[in-house]
Amino acid sequence: ALPDGTSGFRAYRAGQPAGEQLVAIWNGAGDLEG
């Protein structure tokens, strides 16, 4: 989480086969920005 209220997470699959990563971002109002 950033000081301006932006927050999010990164997720990825470890192991074989591994997967691509995903980062999800929410703004301070709780809207999923991208």
Full PDB file with SEQRES, HELIX, SHEET, SSBOND, CRYST1, ORIGX, SCALE, CONECT and MASTER records, all heavy atoms in Angstrom:
SEQRES   1 A   34  ALA LEU PRO ASP GLY THR SER GLY PHE ARG ALA TYR ARG          
SEQRES   2 A   34  ALA GLY GLN PRO ALA GLY GLU GLN LEU VAL ALA ILE TRP          
SEQRES   3 A   34  ASN GLY ALA GLY ASP LEU GLU GLY                              
SHEET    1 AA1 2 SER A   7  ALA A  11  0                                        
SHEET    2 AA1 2 LEU A  22  TRP A  26 -1                                        
CRYST1    1.000    1.000    1.000  90.00  90.00  90.00 P 1           1          
ORIGX1      1.000000  0.000000  0.000000        0.00000                         
ORIGX2      0.000000  1.000000  0.000000        0.00000                         
ORIGX3      0.000000  0.000000  1.000000        0.00000                         
SCALE1      1.000000  0.000000  0.000000        0.00000                         
SCALE2      0.000000  1.000000  0.000000        0.00000                         
SCALE3      0.000000  0.000000  1.000000        0.00000                         
ATOM      1  N   ALA A   1       0.853  -1.187   0.000  1.00  0.00           N  
ATOM      2  CA  ALA A   1       0.000   0.000   0.000  1.00  0.00           C  
ATOM      3  C   ALA A   1       0.886   1.233   0.000  1.00  0.00           C  
ATOM      4  O   ALA A   1       1.900   1.295   0.710  1.00  0.00           O  
ATOM      5  CB  ALA A   1      -0.922   0.009   1.222  1.00  0.00           C  
ATOM      6  N   LEU A   2       0.493   2.228  -0.804  1.00  0.00           N  
ATOM      7  CA  LEU A   2       1.240   3.466  -0.946  1.00  0.00           C  
ATOM      8  C   LEU A   2       0.621   4.554  -0.064  1.00  0.00           C  
ATOM      9  O   LEU A   2      -0.536   4.454   0.341  1.00  0.00           O  
ATOM     10  CB  LEU A   2       1.231   3.914  -2.408  1.00  0.00           C  
ATOM     11  CG  LEU A   2       1.628   2.873  -3.452  1.00  0.00           C  
ATOM     12  CD1 LEU A   2       1.605   3.494  -4.850  1.00  0.00           C  
ATOM     13  CD2 LEU A   2       2.995   2.291  -3.139  1.00  0.00           C  
ATOM     14  N   PRO A   3       1.365   5.605   0.230  1.00  0.00           N  
ATOM     15  CA  PRO A   3       0.836   6.660   1.109  1.00  0.00           C  
ATOM     16  C   PRO A   3      -0.420   7.336   0.576  1.00  0.00           C  
ATOM     17  O   PRO A   3      -1.221   7.841   1.367  1.00  0.00           O  
ATOM     18  CB  PRO A   3       2.000   7.658   1.187  1.00  0.00           C  
ATOM     19  CG  PRO A   3       3.213   6.880   0.865  1.00  0.00           C  
ATOM     20  CD  PRO A   3       2.788   5.833  -0.100  1.00  0.00           C  
ATOM     21  N   ASP A   4      -0.636   7.351  -0.755  1.00  0.00           N  
ATOM     22  CA  ASP A   4      -1.806   8.030  -1.306  1.00  0.00           C  
ATOM     23  C   ASP A   4      -3.067   7.170  -1.281  1.00  0.00           C  
ATOM     24  O   ASP A   4      -4.111   7.565  -1.795  1.00  0.00           O  
ATOM     25  CB  ASP A   4      -1.534   8.499  -2.743  1.00  0.00           C  
ATOM     26  CG  ASP A   4      -1.345   7.341  -3.726  1.00  0.00           C  
ATOM     27  OD1 ASP A   4      -1.415   6.168  -3.305  1.00  0.00           O  
ATOM     28  OD2 ASP A   4      -1.122   7.617  -4.920  1.00  0.00           O  
ATOM     29  N   GLY A   5      -2.980   5.974  -0.686  1.00  0.00           N  
ATOM     30  CA  GLY A   5      -4.139   5.100  -0.590  1.00  0.00           C  
ATOM     31  C   GLY A   5      -4.192   4.022  -1.649  1.00  0.00           C  
ATOM     32  O   GLY A   5      -5.017   3.103  -1.557  1.00  0.00           O  
ATOM     33  N   THR A   6      -3.352   4.124  -2.668  1.00  0.00           N  
ATOM     34  CA  THR A   6      -3.277   3.070  -3.678  1.00  0.00           C  
ATOM     35  C   THR A   6      -2.787   1.785  -3.027  1.00  0.00           C  
ATOM     36  O   THR A   6      -1.869   1.793  -2.209  1.00  0.00           O  
ATOM     37  CB  THR A   6      -2.309   3.468  -4.803  1.00  0.00           C  
ATOM     38  OG1 THR A   6      -2.761   4.679  -5.403  1.00  0.00           O  
ATOM     39  CG2 THR A   6      -2.211   2.376  -5.856  1.00  0.00           C  
ATOM     40  N   SER A   7      -3.398   0.662  -3.400  1.00  0.00           N  
ATOM     41  CA  SER A   7      -2.973  -0.618  -2.851  1.00  0.00           C  
ATOM     42  C   SER A   7      -3.162  -1.695  -3.912  1.00  0.00           C  
ATOM     43  O   SER A   7      -3.781  -1.461  -4.958  1.00  0.00           O  
ATOM     44  CB  SER A   7      -3.768  -0.979  -1.588  1.00  0.00           C  
ATOM     45  OG  SER A   7      -5.145  -1.140  -1.904  1.00  0.00           O  
ATOM     46  N   GLY A   8      -2.614  -2.863  -3.640  1.00  0.00           N  
ATOM     47  CA  GLY A   8      -2.765  -3.954  -4.589  1.00  0.00           C  
ATOM     48  C   GLY A   8      -1.944  -5.146  -4.200  1.00  0.00           C  
ATOM     49  O   GLY A   8      -1.357  -5.205  -3.117  1.00  0.00           O  
ATOM     50  N   PHE A   9      -1.935  -6.111  -5.100  1.00  0.00           N  
ATOM     51  CA  PHE A   9      -1.153  -7.313  -4.847  1.00  0.00           C  
ATOM     52  C   PHE A   9      -0.613  -7.853  -6.165  1.00  0.00           C  
ATOM     53  O   PHE A   9      -1.128  -7.553  -7.254  1.00  0.00           O  
ATOM     54  CB  PHE A   9      -1.988  -8.393  -4.136  1.00  0.00           C  
ATOM     55  CG  PHE A   9      -3.071  -9.002  -4.992  1.00  0.00           C  
ATOM     56  CD1 PHE A   9      -2.799 -10.083  -5.838  1.00  0.00           C  
ATOM     57  CD2 PHE A   9      -4.364  -8.503  -4.957  1.00  0.00           C  
ATOM     58  CE1 PHE A   9      -3.795 -10.644  -6.631  1.00  0.00           C  
ATOM     59  CE2 PHE A   9      -5.363  -9.059  -5.746  1.00  0.00           C  
ATOM     60  CZ  PHE A   9      -5.074 -10.132  -6.591  1.00  0.00           C  
ATOM     61  N   ARG A  10       0.420  -8.666  -6.027  1.00  0.00           N  
ATOM     62  CA  ARG A  10       0.977  -9.419  -7.155  1.00  0.00           C  
ATOM     63  C   ARG A  10       0.810 -10.892  -6.833  1.00  0.00           C  
ATOM     64  O   ARG A  10       1.031 -11.320  -5.693  1.00  0.00           O  
ATOM     65  CB  ARG A  10       2.455  -9.099  -7.334  1.00  0.00           C  
ATOM     66  CG  ARG A  10       3.150  -9.928  -8.406  1.00  0.00           C  
ATOM     67  CD  ARG A  10       4.614  -9.520  -8.562  1.00  0.00           C  
ATOM     68  NE  ARG A  10       5.382  -9.715  -7.364  1.00  0.00           N  
ATOM     69  CZ  ARG A  10       6.586 -10.313  -7.310  1.00  0.00           C  
ATOM     70  NH1 ARG A  10       7.142 -10.773  -8.405  1.00  0.00           N  
ATOM     71  NH2 ARG A  10       7.224 -10.414  -6.170  1.00  0.00           N  
ATOM     72  N   ALA A  11       0.423 -11.681  -7.809  1.00  0.00           N  
ATOM     73  CA  ALA A  11       0.277 -13.120  -7.618  1.00  0.00           C  
ATOM     74  C   ALA A  11       0.959 -13.846  -8.764  1.00  0.00           C  
ATOM     75  O   ALA A  11       0.899 -13.404  -9.913  1.00  0.00           O  
ATOM     76  CB  ALA A  11      -1.196 -13.509  -7.548  1.00  0.00           C  
ATOM     77  N   TYR A  12       1.614 -14.947  -8.416  1.00  0.00           N  
ATOM     78  CA  TYR A  12       2.201 -15.789  -9.453  1.00  0.00           C  
ATOM     79  C   TYR A  12       2.259 -17.227  -8.962  1.00  0.00           C  
ATOM     80  O   TYR A  12       2.230 -17.489  -7.749  1.00  0.00           O  
ATOM     81  CB  TYR A  12       3.584 -15.299  -9.887  1.00  0.00           C  
ATOM     82  CG  TYR A  12       4.631 -15.226  -8.792  1.00  0.00           C  
ATOM     83  CD1 TYR A  12       5.519 -16.276  -8.565  1.00  0.00           C  
ATOM     84  CD2 TYR A  12       4.752 -14.084  -8.004  1.00  0.00           C  
ATOM     85  CE1 TYR A  12       6.485 -16.193  -7.578  1.00  0.00           C  
ATOM     86  CE2 TYR A  12       5.716 -13.990  -7.011  1.00  0.00           C  
ATOM     87  CZ  TYR A  12       6.584 -15.047  -6.810  1.00  0.00           C  
ATOM     88  OH  TYR A  12       7.536 -14.958  -5.823  1.00  0.00           O  
ATOM     89  N   ARG A  13       2.333 -18.132  -9.906  1.00  0.00           N  
ATOM     90  CA  ARG A  13       2.359 -19.543  -9.593  1.00  0.00           C  
ATOM     91  C   ARG A  13       3.789 -20.041  -9.616  1.00  0.00           C  
ATOM     92  O   ARG A  13       4.492 -19.897 -10.616  1.00  0.00           O  
ATOM     93  CB  ARG A  13       1.508 -20.314 -10.606  1.00  0.00           C  
ATOM     94  CG  ARG A  13       1.236 -21.753 -10.204  1.00  0.00           C  
ATOM     95  CD  ARG A  13       0.303 -22.421 -11.189  1.00  0.00           C  
ATOM     96  NE  ARG A  13       0.992 -22.828 -12.396  1.00  0.00           N  
ATOM     97  CZ  ARG A  13       0.430 -23.558 -13.365  1.00  0.00           C  
ATOM     98  NH1 ARG A  13      -0.835 -23.919 -13.252  1.00  0.00           N  
ATOM     99  NH2 ARG A  13       1.097 -23.905 -14.436  1.00  0.00           N  
ATOM    100  N   ALA A  14       4.222 -20.618  -8.510  1.00  0.00           N  
ATOM    101  CA  ALA A  14       5.549 -21.211  -8.426  1.00  0.00           C  
ATOM    102  C   ALA A  14       5.434 -22.720  -8.606  1.00  0.00           C  
ATOM    103  O   ALA A  14       4.407 -23.319  -8.292  1.00  0.00           O  
ATOM    104  CB  ALA A  14       6.199 -20.897  -7.077  1.00  0.00           C  
ATOM    105  N   GLY A  15       6.471 -23.327  -9.092  1.00  0.00           N  
ATOM    106  CA  GLY A  15       6.451 -24.764  -9.333  1.00  0.00           C  
ATOM    107  C   GLY A  15       6.601 -25.039 -10.812  1.00  0.00           C  
ATOM    108  O   GLY A  15       6.995 -24.168 -11.588  1.00  0.00           O  
ATOM    109  N   GLN A  16       6.300 -26.235 -11.218  1.00  0.00           N  
ATOM    110  CA  GLN A  16       6.439 -26.641 -12.619  1.00  0.00           C  
ATOM    111  C   GLN A  16       5.112 -27.132 -13.173  1.00  0.00           C  
ATOM    112  O   GLN A  16       4.531 -28.075 -12.618  1.00  0.00           O  
ATOM    113  CB  GLN A  16       7.511 -27.732 -12.736  1.00  0.00           C  
ATOM    114  CG  GLN A  16       8.902 -27.283 -12.356  1.00  0.00           C  
ATOM    115  CD  GLN A  16       9.431 -26.181 -13.251  1.00  0.00           C  
ATOM    116  OE1 GLN A  16       9.101 -26.141 -14.444  1.00  0.00           O  
ATOM    117  NE2 GLN A  16      10.221 -25.293 -12.699  1.00  0.00           N  
ATOM    118  N   PRO A  17       4.600 -26.534 -14.241  1.00  0.00           N  
ATOM    119  CA  PRO A  17       5.177 -25.340 -14.880  1.00  0.00           C  
ATOM    120  C   PRO A  17       4.780 -24.071 -14.139  1.00  0.00           C  
ATOM    121  O   PRO A  17       3.683 -23.992 -13.581  1.00  0.00           O  
ATOM    122  CB  PRO A  17       4.555 -25.363 -16.279  1.00  0.00           C  
ATOM    123  CG  PRO A  17       3.213 -25.999 -16.058  1.00  0.00           C  
ATOM    124  CD  PRO A  17       3.419 -27.034 -14.970  1.00  0.00           C  
ATOM    125  N   ALA A  18       5.682 -23.109 -14.115  1.00  0.00           N  
ATOM    126  CA  ALA A  18       5.381 -21.827 -13.490  1.00  0.00           C  
ATOM    127  C   ALA A  18       4.459 -21.032 -14.405  1.00  0.00           C  
ATOM    128  O   ALA A  18       4.309 -21.343 -15.588  1.00  0.00           O  
ATOM    129  CB  ALA A  18       6.664 -21.053 -13.233  1.00  0.00           C  
ATOM    130  N   GLY A  19       3.833 -20.019 -13.843  1.00  0.00           N  
ATOM    131  CA  GLY A  19       2.908 -19.224 -14.642  1.00  0.00           C  
ATOM    132  C   GLY A  19       3.310 -17.768 -14.697  1.00  0.00           C  
ATOM    133  O   GLY A  19       4.225 -17.330 -13.996  1.00  0.00           O  
ATOM    134  N   GLU A  20       2.609 -17.010 -15.543  1.00  0.00           N  
ATOM    135  CA  GLU A  20       2.848 -15.581 -15.622  1.00  0.00           C  
ATOM    136  C   GLU A  20       2.336 -14.892 -14.358  1.00  0.00           C  
ATOM    137  O   GLU A  20       1.569 -15.458 -13.588  1.00  0.00           O  
ATOM    138  CB  GLU A  20       2.144 -15.004 -16.857  1.00  0.00           C  
ATOM    139  CG  GLU A  20       2.733 -15.452 -18.171  1.00  0.00           C  
ATOM    140  CD  GLU A  20       2.047 -14.799 -19.347  1.00  0.00           C  
ATOM    141  OE1 GLU A  20       0.806 -14.603 -19.279  1.00  0.00           O  
ATOM    142  OE2 GLU A  20       2.727 -14.487 -20.325  1.00  0.00           O  
ATOM    143  N   GLN A  21       2.757 -13.644 -14.192  1.00  0.00           N  
ATOM    144  CA  GLN A  21       2.382 -12.894 -13.004  1.00  0.00           C  
ATOM    145  C   GLN A  21       1.219 -11.961 -13.293  1.00  0.00           C  
ATOM    146  O   GLN A  21       0.970 -11.582 -14.432  1.00  0.00           O  
ATOM    147  CB  GLN A  21       3.591 -12.091 -12.501  1.00  0.00           C  
ATOM    148  CG  GLN A  21       4.780 -12.957 -12.148  1.00  0.00           C  
ATOM    149  CD  GLN A  21       5.899 -12.182 -11.489  1.00  0.00           C  
ATOM    150  OE1 GLN A  21       5.753 -11.016 -11.153  1.00  0.00           O  
ATOM    151  NE2 GLN A  21       7.022 -12.850 -11.291  1.00  0.00           N  
ATOM    152  N   LEU A  22       0.517 -11.607 -12.236  1.00  0.00           N  
ATOM    153  CA  LEU A  22      -0.596 -10.675 -12.318  1.00  0.00           C  
ATOM    154  C   LEU A  22      -0.467  -9.666 -11.184  1.00  0.00           C  
ATOM    155  O   LEU A  22      -0.228 -10.036 -10.037  1.00  0.00           O  
ATOM    156  CB  LEU A  22      -1.928 -11.414 -12.166  1.00  0.00           C  
ATOM    157  CG  LEU A  22      -3.181 -10.527 -11.991  1.00  0.00           C  
ATOM    158  CD1 LEU A  22      -3.502  -9.808 -13.296  1.00  0.00           C  
ATOM    159  CD2 LEU A  22      -4.367 -11.363 -11.533  1.00  0.00           C  
ATOM    160  N   VAL A  23      -0.600  -8.376 -11.514  1.00  0.00           N  
ATOM    161  CA  VAL A  23      -0.635  -7.316 -10.499  1.00  0.00           C  
ATOM    162  C   VAL A  23      -1.969  -6.596 -10.632  1.00  0.00           C  
ATOM    163  O   VAL A  23      -2.348  -6.165 -11.724  1.00  0.00           O  
ATOM    164  CB  VAL A  23       0.526  -6.321 -10.664  1.00  0.00           C  
ATOM    165  CG1 VAL A  23       0.473  -5.263  -9.564  1.00  0.00           C  
ATOM    166  CG2 VAL A  23       1.873  -7.042 -10.624  1.00  0.00           C  
ATOM    167  N   ALA A  24      -2.686  -6.476  -9.521  1.00  0.00           N  
ATOM    168  CA  ALA A  24      -3.978  -5.797  -9.490  1.00  0.00           C  
ATOM    169  C   ALA A  24      -3.858  -4.548  -8.623  1.00  0.00           C  
ATOM    170  O   ALA A  24      -3.258  -4.594  -7.546  1.00  0.00           O  
ATOM    171  CB  ALA A  24      -5.055  -6.723  -8.928  1.00  0.00           C  
ATOM    172  N   ILE A  25      -4.438  -3.444  -9.083  1.00  0.00           N  
ATOM    173  CA  ILE A  25      -4.298  -2.146  -8.418  1.00  0.00           C  
ATOM    174  C   ILE A  25      -5.669  -1.560  -8.097  1.00  0.00           C  
ATOM    175  O   ILE A  25      -6.544  -1.479  -8.972  1.00  0.00           O  
ATOM    176  CB  ILE A  25      -3.520  -1.150  -9.312  1.00  0.00           C  
ATOM    177  CG1 ILE A  25      -2.130  -1.690  -9.642  1.00  0.00           C  
ATOM    178  CG2 ILE A  25      -3.418   0.221  -8.644  1.00  0.00           C  
ATOM    179  CD1 ILE A  25      -1.228  -1.873  -8.440  1.00  0.00           C  
ATOM    180  N   TRP A  26      -5.851  -1.146  -6.843  1.00  0.00           N  
ATOM    181  CA  TRP A  26      -7.042  -0.423  -6.392  1.00  0.00           C  
ATOM    182  C   TRP A  26      -6.658   0.992  -5.972  1.00  0.00           C  
ATOM    183  O   TRP A  26      -5.580   1.203  -5.399  1.00  0.00           O  
ATOM    184  CB  TRP A  26      -7.670  -1.122  -5.188  1.00  0.00           C  
ATOM    185  CG  TRP A  26      -8.429  -2.364  -5.494  1.00  0.00           C  
ATOM    186  CD1 TRP A  26      -9.772  -2.494  -5.674  1.00  0.00           C  
ATOM    187  CD2 TRP A  26      -7.893  -3.689  -5.649  1.00  0.00           C  
ATOM    188  NE1 TRP A  26     -10.111  -3.801  -5.931  1.00  0.00           N  
ATOM    189  CE2 TRP A  26      -8.976  -4.562  -5.920  1.00  0.00           C  
ATOM    190  CE3 TRP A  26      -6.602  -4.230  -5.593  1.00  0.00           C  
ATOM    191  CZ2 TRP A  26      -8.812  -5.922  -6.126  1.00  0.00           C  
ATOM    192  CZ3 TRP A  26      -6.431  -5.587  -5.802  1.00  0.00           C  
ATOM    193  CH2 TRP A  26      -7.521  -6.417  -6.068  1.00  0.00           C  
ATOM    194  N   ASN A  27      -7.527   1.949  -6.227  1.00  0.00           N  
ATOM    195  CA  ASN A  27      -7.264   3.304  -5.741  1.00  0.00           C  
ATOM    196  C   ASN A  27      -7.786   3.454  -4.314  1.00  0.00           C  
ATOM    197  O   ASN A  27      -8.361   2.516  -3.743  1.00  0.00           O  
ATOM    198  CB  ASN A  27      -7.852   4.365  -6.680  1.00  0.00           C  
ATOM    199  CG  ASN A  27      -9.377   4.291  -6.773  1.00  0.00           C  
ATOM    200  OD1 ASN A  27     -10.056   3.796  -5.876  1.00  0.00           O  
ATOM    201  ND2 ASN A  27      -9.918   4.808  -7.878  1.00  0.00           N  
ATOM    202  N   GLY A  28      -7.589   4.650  -3.754  1.00  0.00           N  
ATOM    203  CA  GLY A  28      -7.965   4.866  -2.362  1.00  0.00           C  
ATOM    204  C   GLY A  28      -9.453   4.755  -2.104  1.00  0.00           C  
ATOM    205  O   GLY A  28      -9.871   4.510  -0.964  1.00  0.00           O  
ATOM    206  N   ALA A  29     -10.270   4.913  -3.154  1.00  0.00           N  
ATOM    207  CA  ALA A  29     -11.718   4.798  -3.006  1.00  0.00           C  
ATOM    208  C   ALA A  29     -12.201   3.362  -3.121  1.00  0.00           C  
ATOM    209  O   ALA A  29     -13.397   3.093  -2.981  1.00  0.00           O  
ATOM    210  CB  ALA A  29     -12.407   5.658  -4.071  1.00  0.00           C  
ATOM    211  N   GLY A  30     -11.274   2.439  -3.380  1.00  0.00           N  
ATOM    212  CA  GLY A  30     -11.652   1.041  -3.501  1.00  0.00           C  
ATOM    213  C   GLY A  30     -12.014   0.599  -4.903  1.00  0.00           C  
ATOM    214  O   GLY A  30     -12.489  -0.527  -5.093  1.00  0.00           O  
ATOM    215  N   ASP A  31     -11.767   1.464  -5.893  1.00  0.00           N  
ATOM    216  CA  ASP A  31     -12.054   1.108  -7.282  1.00  0.00           C  
ATOM    217  C   ASP A  31     -10.877   0.312  -7.861  1.00  0.00           C  
ATOM    218  O   ASP A  31      -9.716   0.691  -7.678  1.00  0.00           O  
ATOM    219  CB  ASP A  31     -12.257   2.361  -8.141  1.00  0.00           C  
ATOM    220  CG  ASP A  31     -13.388   3.240  -7.631  1.00  0.00           C  
ATOM    221  OD1 ASP A  31     -14.432   2.682  -7.249  1.00  0.00           O  
ATOM    222  OD2 ASP A  31     -13.211   4.475  -7.603  1.00  0.00           O  
ATOM    223  N   LEU A  32     -11.188  -0.757  -8.562  1.00  0.00           N  
ATOM    224  CA  LEU A  32     -10.151  -1.540  -9.232  1.00  0.00           C  
ATOM    225  C   LEU A  32      -9.728  -0.780 -10.483  1.00  0.00           C  
ATOM    226  O   LEU A  32     -10.471  -0.684 -11.458  1.00  0.00           O  
ATOM    227  CB  LEU A  32     -10.692  -2.924  -9.595  1.00  0.00           C  
ATOM    228  CG  LEU A  32      -9.718  -3.885 -10.277  1.00  0.00           C  
ATOM    229  CD1 LEU A  32      -8.509  -4.170  -9.402  1.00  0.00           C  
ATOM    230  CD2 LEU A  32     -10.429  -5.188 -10.636  1.00  0.00           C  
ATOM    231  N   GLU A  33      -8.524  -0.212 -10.452  1.00  0.00           N  
ATOM    232  CA  GLU A  33      -8.070   0.646 -11.540  1.00  0.00           C  
ATOM    233  C   GLU A  33      -7.540  -0.141 -12.725  1.00  0.00           C  
ATOM    234  O   GLU A  33      -7.665   0.282 -13.866  1.00  0.00           O  
ATOM    235  CB  GLU A  33      -6.998   1.608 -11.044  1.00  0.00           C  
ATOM    236  CG  GLU A  33      -7.514   2.675 -10.107  1.00  0.00           C  
ATOM    237  CD  GLU A  33      -6.565   3.842 -10.003  1.00  0.00           C  
ATOM    238  OE1 GLU A  33      -5.342   3.634 -10.118  1.00  0.00           O  
ATOM    239  OE2 GLU A  33      -7.055   4.972  -9.810  1.00  0.00           O  
ATOM    240  N   GLY A  34      -6.902  -1.264 -12.455  1.00  0.00           N  
ATOM    241  CA  GLY A  34      -6.363  -1.994 -13.586  1.00  0.00           C  
ATOM    242  C   GLY A  34      -5.538  -3.198 -13.198  1.00  0.00           C  
ATOM    243  O   GLY A  34      -5.270  -3.444 -12.012  1.00  0.00           O  
TER     244      GLY A  34                                                      
MASTER        0    0    0    0    2    0    0    6  243    1    0    3          
END                                                                             
